[in-house]
PDB file of N, CA and C in Angstrom:
ATOM      1  N   MET A   1     -15.056  -4.662  -9.648  1.00  0.00           N
ATOM      2  CA  MET A   1     -14.520  -4.352 -10.932  1.00  0.00           C
ATOM      3  C   MET A   1     -13.619  -3.046 -10.601  1.00  0.00           C
ATOM      4  N   LEU A   2     -13.142  -2.498 -10.558  1.00  0.00           N
ATOM      5  CA  LEU A   2     -12.374  -1.010 -10.502  1.00  0.00           C
ATOM      6  C   LEU A   2     -12.643  -0.059 -11.441  1.00  0.00           C
ATOM      7  N   HIS A   3     -13.585   0.873 -10.968  1.00  0.00           N
ATOM      8  CA  HIS A   3     -13.724   1.676 -12.046  1.00  0.00           C
ATOM      9  C   HIS A   3     -13.330   3.304 -11.316  1.00  0.00           C
ATOM     10  N   GLU A   4     -13.019   4.369 -12.779  1.00  0.00           N
ATOM     11  CA  GLU A   4     -12.288   5.307 -12.283  1.00  0.00           C
ATOM     12  C   GLU A   4     -13.174   6.571 -12.066  1.00  0.00           C
ATOM     13  N   LEU A   5     -12.453   7.513 -11.520  1.00  0.00           N
ATOM     14  CA  LEU A   5     -13.163   7.942  -9.929  1.00  0.00           C
ATOM     15  C   LEU A   5     -13.179   9.435 -10.628  1.00  0.00           C
ATOM     16  N   GLY A   6     -14.226  10.265 -11.216  1.00  0.00           N
ATOM     17  CA  GLY A   6     -14.411  11.699 -11.750  1.00  0.00           C
ATOM     18  C   GLY A   6     -14.290  12.476 -10.599  1.00  0.00           C
ATOM     19  N   LEU A   7     -13.238  13.719 -11.073  1.00  0.00           N
ATOM     20  CA  LEU A   7     -13.616  14.153  -9.712  1.00  0.00           C
ATOM     21  C   LEU A   7     -13.248  15.869 -10.886  1.00  0.00           C
ATOM     22  N   GLY A   8     -14.440  16.695 -10.801  1.00  0.00           N
ATOM     23  CA  GLY A   8     -14.265  18.032 -11.519  1.00  0.00           C
ATOM     24  C   GLY A   8     -14.300  17.864 -12.885  1.00  0.00           C
ATOM     25  N   GLY A   9     -15.435  16.553 -13.512  1.00  0.00           N
ATOM     26  CA  GLY A   9     -15.133  16.478 -15.183  1.00  0.00           C
ATOM     27  C   GLY A   9     -13.727  15.597 -15.729  1.00  0.00           C
ATOM     28  N   MET A  10     -13.002  15.209 -14.862  1.00  0.00           N
ATOM     29  CA  MET A  10     -11.451  14.527 -14.854  1.00  0.00           C
ATOM     30  C   MET A  10     -11.454  13.110 -14.558  1.00  0.00           C
ATOM     31  N   LEU A  11     -11.037  12.039 -15.091  1.00  0.00           N
ATOM     32  CA  LEU A  11     -10.875  10.959 -14.693  1.00  0.00           C
ATOM     33  C   LEU A  11      -9.687  10.362 -13.710  1.00  0.00           C
ATOM     34  N   PHE A  12      -9.851   9.587 -12.906  1.00  0.00           N
ATOM     35  CA  PHE A  12      -8.468   9.032 -12.182  1.00  0.00           C
ATOM     36  C   PHE A  12      -8.661   7.803 -11.788  1.00  0.00           C
ATOM     37  N   SER A  13      -7.396   7.253 -12.142  1.00  0.00           N
ATOM     38  CA  SER A  13      -6.946   5.876 -11.731  1.00  0.00           C
ATOM     39  C   SER A  13      -7.677   5.605 -10.344  1.00  0.00           C
ATOM     40  N   PRO A  14      -8.444   4.066 -10.092  1.00  0.00           N
ATOM     41  CA  PRO A  14      -8.442   4.231  -8.618  1.00  0.00           C
ATOM     42  C   PRO A  14      -7.492   4.165  -7.753  1.00  0.00           C
ATOM     43  N   LEU A  15      -6.257   3.548  -8.388  1.00  0.00           N
ATOM     44  CA  LEU A  15      -4.745   3.250  -7.810  1.00  0.00           C
ATOM     45  C   LEU A  15      -4.791   4.776  -6.843  1.00  0.00           C
ATOM     46  N   VAL A  16      -5.082   5.835  -7.439  1.00  0.00           N
ATOM     47  CA  VAL A  16      -4.800   7.143  -7.153  1.00  0.00           C
ATOM     48  C   VAL A  16      -5.378   6.986  -5.818  1.00  0.00           C
ATOM     49  N   ALA A  17      -6.631   6.123  -4.795  1.00  0.00           N
ATOM     50  CA  ALA A  17      -6.688   5.920  -3.825  1.00  0.00           C
ATOM     51  C   ALA A  17      -6.210   5.212  -2.893  1.00  0.00           C
ATOM     52  N   LEU A  18      -6.068   4.165  -3.918  1.00  0.00           N
ATOM     53  CA  LEU A  18      -5.387   3.094  -2.603  1.00  0.00           C
ATOM     54  C   LEU A  18      -4.022   3.222  -2.638  1.00  0.00           C
ATOM     55  N   ILE A  19      -3.307   3.606  -3.589  1.00  0.00           N
ATOM     56  CA  ILE A  19      -1.642   3.759  -2.758  1.00  0.00           C
ATOM     57  C   ILE A  19      -1.253   4.703  -1.919  1.00  0.00           C
ATOM     58  N   PRO A  20      -1.979   5.442  -1.296  1.00  0.00           N
ATOM     59  CA  PRO A  20      -1.649   6.210  -0.463  1.00  0.00           C
ATOM     60  C   PRO A  20      -2.225   5.309   0.804  1.00  0.00           C
ATOM     61  N   LEU A  21      -2.886   4.413   0.745  1.00  0.00           N
ATOM     62  CA  LEU A  21      -3.898   3.786   1.970  1.00  0.00           C
ATOM     63  C   LEU A  21      -2.331   2.356   2.202  1.00  0.00           C
ATOM     64  N   ALA A  22      -2.238   1.746   1.084  1.00  0.00           N
ATOM     65  CA  ALA A  22      -0.661   0.940   0.801  1.00  0.00           C
ATOM     66  C   ALA A  22       0.253   1.302   1.291  1.00  0.00           C
ATOM     67  N   PHE A  23       0.499   2.224   1.336  1.00  0.00           N
ATOM     68  CA  PHE A  23       1.915   3.391   1.712  1.00  0.00           C
ATOM     69  C   PHE A  23       1.382   3.527   3.379  1.00  0.00           C
ATOM     70  N   GLY A  24       0.494   4.025   3.199  1.00  0.00           N
ATOM     71  CA  GLY A  24       0.319   3.958   5.352  1.00  0.00           C
ATOM     72  C   GLY A  24       0.549   3.138   5.967  1.00  0.00           C
ATOM     73  N   LEU A  25       0.167   1.902   5.299  1.00  0.00           N
ATOM     74  CA  LEU A  25       0.122   0.477   5.819  1.00  0.00           C
ATOM     75  C   LEU A  25       1.724   0.037   6.112  1.00  0.00           C
ATOM     76  N   MET A  26       2.475   0.606   5.235  1.00  0.00           N
ATOM     77  CA  MET A  26       3.580  -0.114   5.422  1.00  0.00           C
ATOM     78  C   MET A  26       4.554   0.984   6.099  1.00  0.00           C
ATOM     79  N   LEU A  27       4.018   2.327   5.701  1.00  0.00           N
ATOM     80  CA  LEU A  27       4.873   3.192   6.914  1.00  0.00           C
ATOM     81  C   LEU A  27       4.518   2.376   8.673  1.00  0.00           C
ATOM     82  N   THR A  28       2.826   2.000   8.614  1.00  0.00           N
ATOM     83  CA  THR A  28       3.092   1.628   9.677  1.00  0.00           C
ATOM     84  C   THR A  28       3.791   0.223  10.241  1.00  0.00           C
ATOM     85  N   THR A  29       3.848  -0.589   9.224  1.00  0.00           N
ATOM     86  CA  THR A  29       4.904  -2.247   9.505  1.00  0.00           C
ATOM     87  C   THR A  29       6.160  -1.908   9.866  1.00  0.00           C
ATOM     88  N   ARG A  30       6.787  -0.488   8.952  1.00  0.00           N
ATOM     89  CA  ARG A  30       8.347  -0.286   9.256  1.00  0.00           C
ATOM     90  C   ARG A  30       8.320   0.526  10.215  1.00  0.00           C
ATOM     91  N   LEU A  31       7.366   1.430  10.983  1.00  0.00           N
ATOM     92  CA  LEU A  31       7.804   1.855  12.564  1.00  0.00           C
ATOM     93  C   LEU A  31       7.819   1.141  13.374  1.00  0.00           C
ATOM     94  N   ALA A  32       6.669  -0.460  13.158  1.00  0.00           N
ATOM     95  CA  ALA A  32       6.557  -1.016  14.273  1.00  0.00           C
ATOM     96  C   ALA A  32       7.800  -1.826  14.252  1.00  0.00           C
ATOM     97  N   LEU A  33       8.407  -2.490  13.175  1.00  0.00           N
ATOM     98  CA  LEU A  33       9.658  -2.966  13.220  1.00  0.00           C
ATOM     99  C   LEU A  33      10.823  -2.568  13.571  1.00  0.00           C
ATOM    100  N   HIS A  34      10.730  -0.976  13.731  1.00  0.00           N
ATOM    101  CA  HIS A  34      11.671  -0.265  13.813  1.00  0.00           C
ATOM    102  C   HIS A  34      11.983  -0.401  15.347  1.00  0.00           C
ATOM    103  N   ARG A  35      10.429  -0.059  15.955  1.00  0.00           N
ATOM    104  CA  ARG A  35      10.162  -0.305  17.526  1.00  0.00           C
ATOM    105  C   ARG A  35      10.774  -1.154  18.326  1.00  0.00           C
ATOM    106  N   MET A  36      10.211  -2.334  17.819  1.00  0.00           N
ATOM    107  CA  MET A  36      10.429  -3.667  18.588  1.00  0.00           C
ATOM    108  C   MET A  36      11.790  -3.845  17.862  1.00  0.00           C
ATOM    109  N   ASN A  37      12.687  -3.088  17.512  1.00  0.00           N
ATOM    110  CA  ASN A  37      13.952  -3.462  16.637  1.00  0.00           C
ATOM    111  C   ASN A  37      13.962  -4.769  16.115  1.00  0.00           C
ATOM    112  N   TRP A  38      13.296  -5.192  14.762  1.00  0.00           N
ATOM    113  CA  TRP A  38      13.597  -5.902  14.145  1.00  0.00           C
ATOM    114  C   TRP A  38      14.005  -5.746  13.075  1.00  0.00           C
ATOM    115  N   ARG A  39      14.098  -4.779  12.736  1.00  0.00           N
ATOM    116  CA  ARG A  39      14.924  -4.318  11.165  1.00  0.00           C
ATOM    117  C   ARG A  39      16.210  -4.263  11.208  1.00  0.00           C
ATOM    118  N   ARG A  40      16.894  -5.079  12.389  1.00  0.00           N
ATOM    119  CA  ARG A  40      17.732  -5.650  12.241  1.00  0.00           C
ATOM    120  C   ARG A  40      18.565  -6.772  12.222  1.00  0.00           C
ATOM    121  N   PHE A  41      17.255  -7.560  11.706  1.00  0.00           N
ATOM    122  CA  PHE A  41      17.316  -8.388  11.455  1.00  0.00           C
ATOM    123  C   PHE A  41      17.144  -8.757   9.702  1.00  0.00           C
ATOM    124  N   ILE A  42      16.366  -7.938   8.716  1.00  0.00           N
ATOM    125  CA  ILE A  42      16.495  -7.922   7.527  1.00  0.00           C
ATOM    126  C   ILE A  42      17.838  -7.419   6.609  1.00  0.00           C
ATOM    127  N   TRP A  43      17.767  -8.497   5.544  1.00  0.00           N
ATOM    128  CA  TRP A  43      19.141  -8.229   5.377  1.00  0.00           C
ATOM    129  C   TRP A  43      19.109  -6.546   4.441  1.00  0.00           C
ATOM    130  N   LYS A  44      18.454  -6.658   3.539  1.00  0.00           N
ATOM    131  CA  LYS A  44      18.296  -5.333   2.604  1.00  0.00           C
ATOM    132  C   LYS A  44      16.447  -4.572   2.783  1.00  0.00           C
ATOM    133  N   PRO A  45      17.082  -3.985   4.110  1.00  0.00           N
ATOM    134  CA  PRO A  45      15.716  -3.059   4.208  1.00  0.00           C
ATOM    135  C   PRO A  45      15.188  -2.252   3.056  1.00  0.00           C
ATOM    136  N   ALA A  46      15.100  -1.621   1.761  1.00  0.00           N
ATOM    137  CA  ALA A  46      14.805  -0.808   1.205  1.00  0.00           C
ATOM    138  C   ALA A  46      13.985  -1.871   0.399  1.00  0.00           C
ATOM    139  N   TRP A  47      14.451  -3.525   0.085  1.00  0.00           N
ATOM    140  CA  TRP A  47      13.680  -4.181  -0.812  1.00  0.00           C
ATOM    141  C   TRP A  47      13.085  -5.115  -0.025  1.00  0.00           C
ATOM    142  N   PHE A  48      12.740  -4.799   1.299  1.00  0.00           N
ATOM    143  CA  PHE A  48      12.066  -5.240   1.875  1.00  0.00           C
ATOM    144  C   PHE A  48      10.806  -4.282   2.147  1.00  0.00           C
ATOM    145  N   ASP A  49      10.998  -3.080   2.083  1.00  0.00           N
ATOM    146  CA  ASP A  49      10.051  -2.102   2.263  1.00  0.00           C
ATOM    147  C   ASP A  49       9.198  -2.298   0.906  1.00  0.00           C
ATOM    148  N   VAL A  50       9.972  -2.408  -0.130  1.00  0.00           N
ATOM    149  CA  VAL A  50       9.227  -2.440  -1.586  1.00  0.00           C
ATOM    150  C   VAL A  50       8.232  -4.082  -1.511  1.00  0.00           C
ATOM    151  N   GLY A  51       8.500  -4.994  -1.367  1.00  0.00           N
ATOM    152  CA  GLY A  51       7.914  -5.862  -1.110  1.00  0.00           C
ATOM    153  C   GLY A  51       6.523  -5.969  -0.254  1.00  0.00           C
ATOM    154  N   VAL A  52       6.705  -5.516   0.528  1.00  0.00           N
ATOM    155  CA  VAL A  52       5.532  -5.410   1.815  1.00  0.00           C
ATOM    156  C   VAL A  52       4.570  -4.300   1.359  1.00  0.00           C
ATOM    157  N   PHE A  53       5.186  -3.083   0.858  1.00  0.00           N
ATOM    158  CA  PHE A  53       4.178  -2.264  -0.293  1.00  0.00           C
ATOM    159  C   PHE A  53       3.228  -2.995  -1.353  1.00  0.00           C
ATOM    160  N   VAL A  54       4.375  -4.121  -2.018  1.00  0.00           N
ATOM    161  CA  VAL A  54       3.631  -4.253  -3.071  1.00  0.00           C
ATOM    162  C   VAL A  54       2.356  -5.217  -2.613  1.00  0.00           C
ATOM    163  N   CYS A  55       3.182  -6.252  -1.501  1.00  0.00           N
ATOM    164  CA  CYS A  55       1.949  -7.002  -0.838  1.00  0.00           C
ATOM    165  C   CYS A  55       0.634  -6.463  -0.285  1.00  0.00           C
ATOM    166  N   TYR A  56       0.582  -4.908   0.434  1.00  0.00           N
ATOM    167  CA  TYR A  56      -0.126  -4.787   0.762  1.00  0.00           C
ATOM    168  C   TYR A  56      -1.250  -3.701  -0.128  1.00  0.00           C
ATOM    169  N   LEU A  57      -0.786  -3.447  -1.060  1.00  0.00           N
ATOM    170  CA  LEU A  57      -1.354  -2.992  -2.293  1.00  0.00           C
ATOM    171  C   LEU A  57      -2.382  -3.917  -3.113  1.00  0.00           C
ATOM    172  N   ALA A  58      -1.420  -5.001  -3.178  1.00  0.00           N
ATOM    173  CA  ALA A  58      -2.483  -6.325  -3.609  1.00  0.00           C
ATOM    174  C   ALA A  58      -3.583  -6.254  -2.533  1.00  0.00           C
ATOM    175  N   LEU A  59      -3.249  -6.498  -1.202  1.00  0.00           N
ATOM    176  CA  LEU A  59      -4.716  -6.686  -0.715  1.00  0.00           C
ATOM    177  C   LEU A  59      -5.504  -5.482  -0.168  1.00  0.00           C
ATOM    178  N   VAL A  60      -4.614  -4.666  -0.544  1.00  0.00           N
ATOM    179  CA  VAL A  60      -5.892  -3.349  -0.646  1.00  0.00           C
ATOM    180  C   VAL A  60      -6.810  -3.926  -1.920  1.00  0.00           C
ATOM    181  N   VAL A  61      -5.945  -3.592  -2.541  1.00  0.00           N
ATOM    182  CA  VAL A  61      -7.056  -3.843  -4.029  1.00  0.00           C
ATOM    183  C   VAL A  61      -7.758  -5.017  -3.974  1.00  0.00           C
ATOM    184  N   HIS A  62      -7.463  -6.225  -3.892  1.00  0.00           N
ATOM    185  CA  HIS A  62      -8.216  -7.136  -3.586  1.00  0.00           C
ATOM    186  C   HIS A  62      -9.552  -7.121  -2.827  1.00  0.00           C
ATOM    187  N   LEU A  63      -9.797  -6.464  -1.590  1.00  0.00           N
ATOM    188  CA  LEU A  63     -10.746  -5.826  -0.734  1.00  0.00           C
ATOM    189  C   LEU A  63     -11.626  -4.830  -1.270  1.00  0.00           C
ATOM    190  N   PHE A  64     -10.816  -3.508  -1.648  1.00  0.00           N
ATOM    191  CA  PHE A  64     -11.548  -2.696  -2.398  1.00  0.00           C
ATOM    192  C   PHE A  64     -11.799  -2.721  -3.494  1.00  0.00           C
ATOM    193  N   GLY A  65     -11.411  -4.002  -4.269  1.00  0.00           N
ATOM    194  CA  GLY A  65     -11.256  -4.226  -6.485  1.00  0.00           C
ATOM    195  C   GLY A  65     -13.004  -4.985  -6.493  1.00  0.00           C
ATOM    196  N   ASN A  66     -13.533  -5.616  -5.094  1.00  0.00           N
ATOM    197  CA  ASN A  66     -14.624  -6.176  -5.674  1.00  0.00           C
ATOM    198  C   ASN A  66     -15.880  -6.014  -5.249  1.00  0.00           C
ATOM    199  N   GLN A  67     -15.654  -4.580  -4.847  1.00  0.00           N
ATOM    200  CA  GLN A  67     -16.964  -3.731  -4.539  1.00  0.00           C
ATOM    201  C   GLN A  67     -17.898  -3.318  -5.868  1.00  0.00           C
ATOM    202  N   GLY A  68     -18.751  -3.202  -5.823  1.00  0.00           N
ATOM    203  CA  GLY A  68     -19.507  -2.689  -6.729  1.00  0.00           C
ATOM    204  C   GLY A  68     -20.379  -3.153  -7.641  1.00  0.00           C
TER     205      GLY A  68
END
């Protein structure tokens, strides 16, 4: 179960920590596809990036959300 993160008396959503991790994974995938010249095969690159980000976010939440 995900719980709030307390910092200086303020409560933050756990997604504050998980979204940058998923975004970093998405950027790494984007860079790898660009270097292999595979991005030219993607029909709508912006939608592809959003889809990859959502998939990585779901994976990160699944992996780190069941602890505790």
